[in-house]
Protein backbone atom coordinates (compact mmCIF):
# COMPACT_ATOMS: atom_id res chain seq x y z
CA MET A 1 -4.80 11.70 9.94
CA ALA A 2 -8.85 12.51 8.70
CA THR A 3 -10.58 9.56 10.58
CA ASP A 4 -11.78 8.40 6.88
CA ALA A 5 -8.23 7.45 5.75
CA VAL A 6 -8.31 4.47 9.19
CA ALA A 7 -8.51 1.22 7.60
CA ALA A 8 -8.00 -2.41 8.94
CA VAL A 9 -7.38 -5.91 7.33
CA ILE A 10 -8.91 -9.17 8.90
CA GLY A 11 -6.36 -11.84 7.94
CA ALA A 12 -2.76 -11.77 7.31
CA GLY A 13 -2.25 -14.24 4.32
CA THR A 14 -2.35 -14.78 0.41
CA MET A 15 -4.67 -11.72 0.07
CA GLY A 16 -4.49 -10.14 3.74
CA HIS A 17 -1.17 -8.85 3.45
CA GLY A 18 -0.96 -7.36 0.10
CA ILE A 19 -4.46 -5.18 0.73
CA ALA A 20 -3.38 -3.66 3.86
CA GLU A 21 0.18 -2.94 1.75
CA VAL A 22 -2.27 -1.05 -0.81
CA PHE A 23 -4.03 0.76 1.58
CA ALA A 24 -1.03 1.79 3.34
CA GLN A 25 0.72 2.86 -0.17
CA HIS A 26 -2.00 5.12 -0.66
CA GLY A 27 -1.94 7.49 2.78
CA PHE A 28 -4.30 4.93 4.98
CA ALA A 29 -3.56 4.01 8.52
CA VAL A 30 -4.31 0.19 8.45
CA THR A 31 -4.25 -2.38 10.76
CA LEU A 32 -3.50 -5.97 9.84
CA VAL A 33 -4.84 -8.61 12.24
CA ASP A 34 -4.34 -11.96 12.36
CA ASN A 35 -4.52 -14.58 15.72
CA ASP A 36 -1.29 -15.85 14.51
CA GLU A 37 2.20 -13.68 15.25
CA ARG A 38 4.63 -15.58 12.75
CA ARG A 39 1.88 -15.00 10.01
CA LEU A 40 1.90 -11.98 11.00
CA ASN A 41 5.68 -11.63 11.03
CA GLU A 42 5.69 -13.23 7.43
CA ALA A 43 3.41 -10.91 6.05
CA LEU A 44 5.29 -7.84 7.00
CA TRP A 45 8.47 -9.41 5.51
CA LYS A 46 6.55 -10.17 2.29
CA ILE A 47 5.41 -6.76 2.14
CA ARG A 48 8.82 -5.20 2.63
CA LEU A 49 10.13 -7.53 -0.39
CA ASN A 50 6.95 -6.52 -2.54
CA LEU A 51 7.99 -2.91 -1.87
CA GLU A 52 11.50 -3.49 -3.14
CA THR A 53 10.13 -5.04 -5.70
CA LEU A 54 8.30 -1.93 -6.69
CA ALA A 55 10.79 0.93 -6.40
CA ASP A 56 13.43 -1.58 -8.20
CA SER A 57 10.94 -1.49 -10.99
CA GLY A 58 10.49 2.15 -10.44
CA ILE A 59 7.07 2.10 -9.93
CA LEU A 60 7.80 3.37 -6.16
CA GLU A 61 10.12 5.96 -4.85
CA ARG A 62 12.57 3.83 -2.32
CA GLU A 63 12.42 6.82 -0.07
CA SER A 64 8.96 6.14 0.67
CA THR A 65 8.74 2.68 1.58
CA LEU A 66 9.99 2.46 5.17
CA GLY A 67 6.03 5.29 5.16
CA VAL A 68 4.14 3.14 4.11
CA LEU A 69 5.60 0.38 6.44
CA SER A 70 5.25 2.55 9.12
CA ARG A 71 1.44 2.78 8.38
CA ILE A 72 1.25 -0.82 8.86
CA ILE A 73 0.48 -2.20 12.35
CA PRO A 74 -0.33 -5.44 12.75
CA THR A 75 -2.22 -6.98 15.86
CA THR A 76 -3.67 -10.15 17.26
CA ASP A 77 -6.33 -8.11 18.88
CA LEU A 78 -8.95 -7.81 16.76
CA PRO A 79 -11.23 -5.46 19.02
CA VAL A 80 -8.94 -3.01 19.55
CA ALA A 81 -7.52 -3.26 15.98
CA VAL A 82 -11.28 -1.87 14.49
CA ARG A 83 -12.13 0.17 17.18
CA GLU A 84 -11.39 3.43 14.97
CA ALA A 85 -11.67 1.62 11.51
CA ARG A 86 -13.99 3.29 9.32
CA PHE A 87 -13.34 0.97 6.34
CA ILE A 88 -12.53 -3.00 7.29
CA THR A 89 -11.39 -5.55 4.64
CA GLU A 90 -12.33 -9.19 5.93
CA ALA A 91 -9.31 -11.46 3.81
CA VAL A 92 -9.52 -15.12 6.33
CA PRO A 93 -10.07 -18.30 4.36
CA GLU A 94 -12.80 -18.66 2.06
CA ASP A 95 -15.06 -20.51 4.82
CA LEU A 96 -18.39 -19.18 5.38
CA ASN A 97 -18.85 -20.43 9.18
CA LEU A 98 -15.16 -18.52 10.31
CA LYS A 99 -16.27 -15.33 8.07
CA ARG A 100 -19.93 -15.33 9.81
CA THR A 101 -17.72 -15.42 12.93
CA VAL A 102 -15.20 -12.47 12.12
CA PHE A 103 -18.27 -10.62 11.15
CA LYS A 104 -20.08 -10.99 14.37
CA LEU A 105 -16.98 -9.60 15.97
CA LEU A 106 -16.85 -7.12 13.44
CA ASP A 107 -20.52 -5.74 14.23
CA GLU A 108 -19.42 -5.79 17.77
CA ASN A 109 -16.54 -3.82 17.85
CA ALA A 110 -16.42 -1.44 15.37
CA PRO A 111 -17.81 2.07 14.31
CA SER A 112 -21.18 2.36 13.76
CA ASP A 113 -20.64 4.22 9.96
CA ALA A 114 -17.31 1.24 9.39
CA ILE A 115 -18.05 -0.68 5.93
CA LEU A 116 -17.45 -4.05 6.74
CA ALA A 117 -15.90 -5.58 3.37
CA SER A 118 -15.95 -9.22 2.89
CA ASN A 119 -12.70 -10.58 -0.02
CA THR A 120 -15.12 -13.54 -0.46
CA SER A 121 -14.85 -15.27 -4.25
CA GLY A 122 -17.56 -16.81 -3.95
CA LEU A 123 -19.71 -16.57 -1.16
CA ASP A 124 -23.02 -14.96 -0.76
CA ILE A 125 -23.11 -11.77 1.09
CA ASP A 126 -25.90 -11.57 2.54
CA SER A 127 -24.99 -14.80 4.38
CA LEU A 128 -22.43 -12.66 6.25
CA ALA A 129 -24.43 -9.90 6.40
CA SER A 130 -27.07 -11.51 8.85
CA SER A 131 -24.16 -12.20 11.35
CA THR A 132 -24.43 -8.61 12.23
CA SER A 133 -26.65 -5.74 13.33
CA ARG A 134 -25.71 -4.10 10.51
CA PRO A 135 -27.24 -5.38 6.98
CA GLU A 136 -26.55 -1.80 5.12
CA ASN A 137 -22.75 -1.83 5.73
CA VAL A 138 -21.89 -5.07 4.74
CA ILE A 139 -20.50 -5.45 0.95
CA GLY A 140 -18.50 -7.92 -1.25
CA THR A 141 -15.22 -6.49 -2.47
CA ASN A 142 -13.44 -9.39 -4.75
CA TRP A 143 -9.58 -8.43 -5.04
CA TRP A 144 -7.56 -10.30 -7.75
CA ASN A 145 -3.99 -11.97 -6.88
CA PRO A 146 -1.70 -10.40 -6.44
CA PRO A 147 -3.81 -7.44 -4.76
CA HIS A 148 -0.87 -4.88 -4.84
CA ILE A 149 -0.58 -5.47 -8.75
CA ILE A 150 -3.62 -6.77 -10.29
CA PRO A 151 -6.04 -3.30 -10.35
CA LEU A 152 -9.45 -5.30 -10.85
CA VAL A 153 -11.22 -5.31 -7.47
CA GLU A 154 -15.23 -6.90 -8.10
CA ILE A 155 -18.01 -5.61 -5.91
CA MET A 156 -20.62 -7.50 -4.71
CA LEU A 157 -24.11 -5.81 -3.35
CA GLY A 158 -26.30 -8.05 -0.64
CA GLY A 159 -30.16 -7.39 -0.85
CA LYS A 160 -29.46 -4.37 2.11
CA THR A 161 -25.92 -3.18 1.21
CA SER A 162 -27.08 0.24 1.08
CA ARG A 163 -26.09 3.23 -1.51
CA ARG A 164 -23.98 4.67 0.70
CA THR A 165 -21.85 1.65 1.34
CA HIS A 166 -21.81 0.84 -2.46
CA LEU A 167 -20.69 4.97 -3.25
CA ARG A 168 -18.50 4.81 -0.09
CA THR A 169 -16.41 1.56 -1.53
CA LEU A 170 -16.19 2.80 -5.04
CA GLU A 171 -14.74 5.62 -3.93
CA VAL A 172 -12.23 4.07 -1.43
CA LEU A 173 -11.42 1.76 -4.24
CA GLU A 174 -10.61 4.62 -6.90
CA ARG A 175 -8.78 6.20 -4.50
CA LEU A 176 -6.60 2.83 -3.59
CA GLY A 177 -5.91 3.41 -7.50
CA LYS A 178 -7.85 0.07 -8.51
CA LYS A 179 -10.56 -0.38 -11.19
CA PRO A 180 -13.44 -1.60 -9.12
CA ILE A 181 -16.55 -3.28 -11.20
CA THR A 182 -19.97 -4.13 -9.57
CA ILE A 183 -22.05 -7.22 -10.07
CA LEU A 184 -25.67 -6.09 -10.09
CA LYS A 185 -26.66 -9.61 -9.73
CA PRO A 186 -25.32 -12.65 -7.84
CA ILE A 187 -24.01 -15.46 -9.99
CA GLN A 188 -22.05 -18.15 -9.03
CA GLY A 189 -18.27 -17.12 -9.70
CA PHE A 190 -18.72 -13.54 -10.26
CA ILE A 191 -17.41 -12.23 -13.81
CA GLY A 192 -13.34 -12.49 -13.75
CA ASN A 193 -13.83 -15.91 -13.11
CA ARG A 194 -16.48 -17.21 -15.08
CA LEU A 195 -14.54 -15.81 -18.52
CA GLN A 196 -11.35 -17.33 -17.06
CA ILE A 197 -12.83 -20.42 -16.47
CA ALA A 198 -14.77 -20.37 -19.91
CA LEU A 199 -11.43 -19.66 -21.92
CA LEU A 200 -9.75 -22.42 -19.84
CA ARG A 201 -12.33 -25.21 -20.38
CA GLU A 202 -11.67 -24.46 -24.32
CA ALA A 203 -7.61 -24.55 -23.65
CA LEU A 204 -7.80 -27.77 -21.98
CA SER A 205 -10.73 -28.90 -24.80
CA LEU A 206 -7.72 -27.75 -27.46
CA LEU A 207 -4.96 -29.55 -25.56
CA ASP A 208 -6.83 -32.84 -25.15
CA LYS A 209 -7.42 -33.11 -28.62
CA GLY A 210 -3.77 -32.80 -29.86
CA THR A 211 -4.63 -29.41 -31.71
CA ALA A 212 -1.73 -27.97 -30.42
CA THR A 213 0.88 -28.15 -27.53
CA PRO A 214 0.70 -26.37 -24.32
CA ASP A 215 3.18 -23.65 -25.09
CA ASP A 216 1.74 -22.68 -28.19
CA ILE A 217 -2.07 -22.50 -26.18
CA ASP A 218 -0.67 -19.71 -24.12
CA ARG A 219 1.35 -18.22 -26.50
CA ALA A 220 -1.85 -17.69 -28.82
CA VAL A 221 -3.31 -15.71 -25.50
CA LYS A 222 -0.17 -14.43 -24.15
CA TYR A 223 0.86 -12.69 -28.18
CA GLY A 224 -2.46 -12.47 -29.15
CA LEU A 225 -5.94 -12.39 -27.08
CA GLY A 226 -4.06 -10.70 -24.08
CA PHE A 227 -1.98 -8.29 -25.74
CA ARG A 228 -5.05 -6.91 -27.16
CA TRP A 229 -7.19 -7.47 -23.91
CA ALA A 230 -4.96 -5.25 -22.16
CA ALA A 231 -6.34 -2.09 -24.11
CA TYR A 232 -9.72 -3.85 -24.82
CA GLY A 233 -12.41 -6.00 -23.41
CA PRO A 234 -14.05 -8.78 -25.37
CA LEU A 235 -17.45 -6.67 -26.16
CA GLU A 236 -14.98 -3.64 -26.89
CA VAL A 237 -12.87 -6.03 -29.16
CA ALA A 238 -16.26 -7.25 -31.07
CA ASP A 239 -17.70 -3.42 -31.61
CA PHE A 240 -13.87 -2.59 -32.71
CA GLY A 241 -13.86 -5.49 -35.11
CA GLY A 242 -17.46 -5.25 -36.45
CA LEU A 243 -20.37 -6.64 -34.95
CA ASP A 244 -21.44 -8.29 -37.75
CA VAL A 245 -18.30 -10.18 -38.37
CA PHE A 246 -18.04 -11.48 -34.94
CA ARG A 247 -21.80 -12.72 -35.07
CA SER A 248 -20.62 -14.70 -38.00
CA LEU A 249 -17.52 -15.98 -36.28
CA ALA A 250 -20.11 -16.90 -33.15
CA GLN A 251 -22.86 -18.37 -35.47
CA ASP A 252 -19.83 -20.50 -37.06
CA LEU A 253 -17.86 -21.33 -33.71
CA TYR A 254 -20.69 -22.10 -31.14
CA PRO A 255 -21.99 -25.43 -32.08
CA THR A 256 -17.85 -26.19 -31.95
CA LEU A 257 -17.04 -24.69 -29.01
CA ASP A 258 -16.59 -27.07 -25.78
CA SER A 259 -19.58 -27.42 -23.51
CA SER A 260 -18.40 -29.85 -21.31
CA LYS A 261 -20.33 -30.07 -17.98
CA GLU A 262 -17.99 -32.11 -16.27
CA VAL A 263 -13.86 -31.22 -15.25
CA ALA A 264 -11.89 -34.67 -17.51
CA GLY A 265 -8.67 -35.63 -19.82
CA THR A 266 -5.36 -34.01 -18.73
CA LEU A 267 -6.35 -31.15 -15.70
CA ASN A 268 -8.02 -34.34 -13.80
CA GLU A 269 -5.12 -36.76 -14.66
CA LEU A 270 -2.55 -33.63 -13.71
CA VAL A 271 -4.07 -33.46 -10.08
CA GLY A 272 -5.22 -37.03 -9.55
CA LYS A 273 -1.14 -37.58 -10.16
CA GLY A 274 -0.45 -34.74 -7.37
CA HIS A 275 0.84 -32.54 -9.93
CA TYR A 276 -0.84 -29.12 -8.87
């Protein structure tokens, strides 16, 4: 196997096991690392179920599932796991100190040319890179859950991330069948979450005002906006519909859209009652 097709994923939880599965599906030998043997066993069970579901849906050939599983090596030994890896994805919980500890270990044990990617949904890449002696090799890759299904991966560059690291990350993600985007300047929540929360704020406002039922608000997105957005993004939709038309809509609706700075209403009430 080519040395560039050797990967490691650190953390076998919600995101990690799915990320490892994607690498293995696309021919990479991938070591899945966790400090909890039970979590590793659960991860392999979940991966097997995912593969069976893909096979049942006709997306994956059933006979290929064993090959995918054979390329995933579970271990609790991080130094050994990353010794030959050329692309390493950290997917531990969103705790800066924990991630910095992991990056220090990666720096000490991974090959000098290995790319060190963090599956973070909001932490500063430079804070992680500063834990290493090779900040040029550090990059952010925010996978969307479930990672073995959703194509989007958001790439975040650190201040010292090299062009080589950026281009190689794009190449690897595209090889994995993903649709990566690059965030050109740091911004809280990145791109996807900002768009998602903007829509959620308006949806909750409509609900709290009694404009429509929860089911009908969801249906408006699933069978209208969502159906359209599967083919065209919001900027493409505006261009398709006519920029003059959308400017007029924006002028009319901007003043009426919810602009709350605090979370209130139904969402607060449900969470406060433990209805998660």
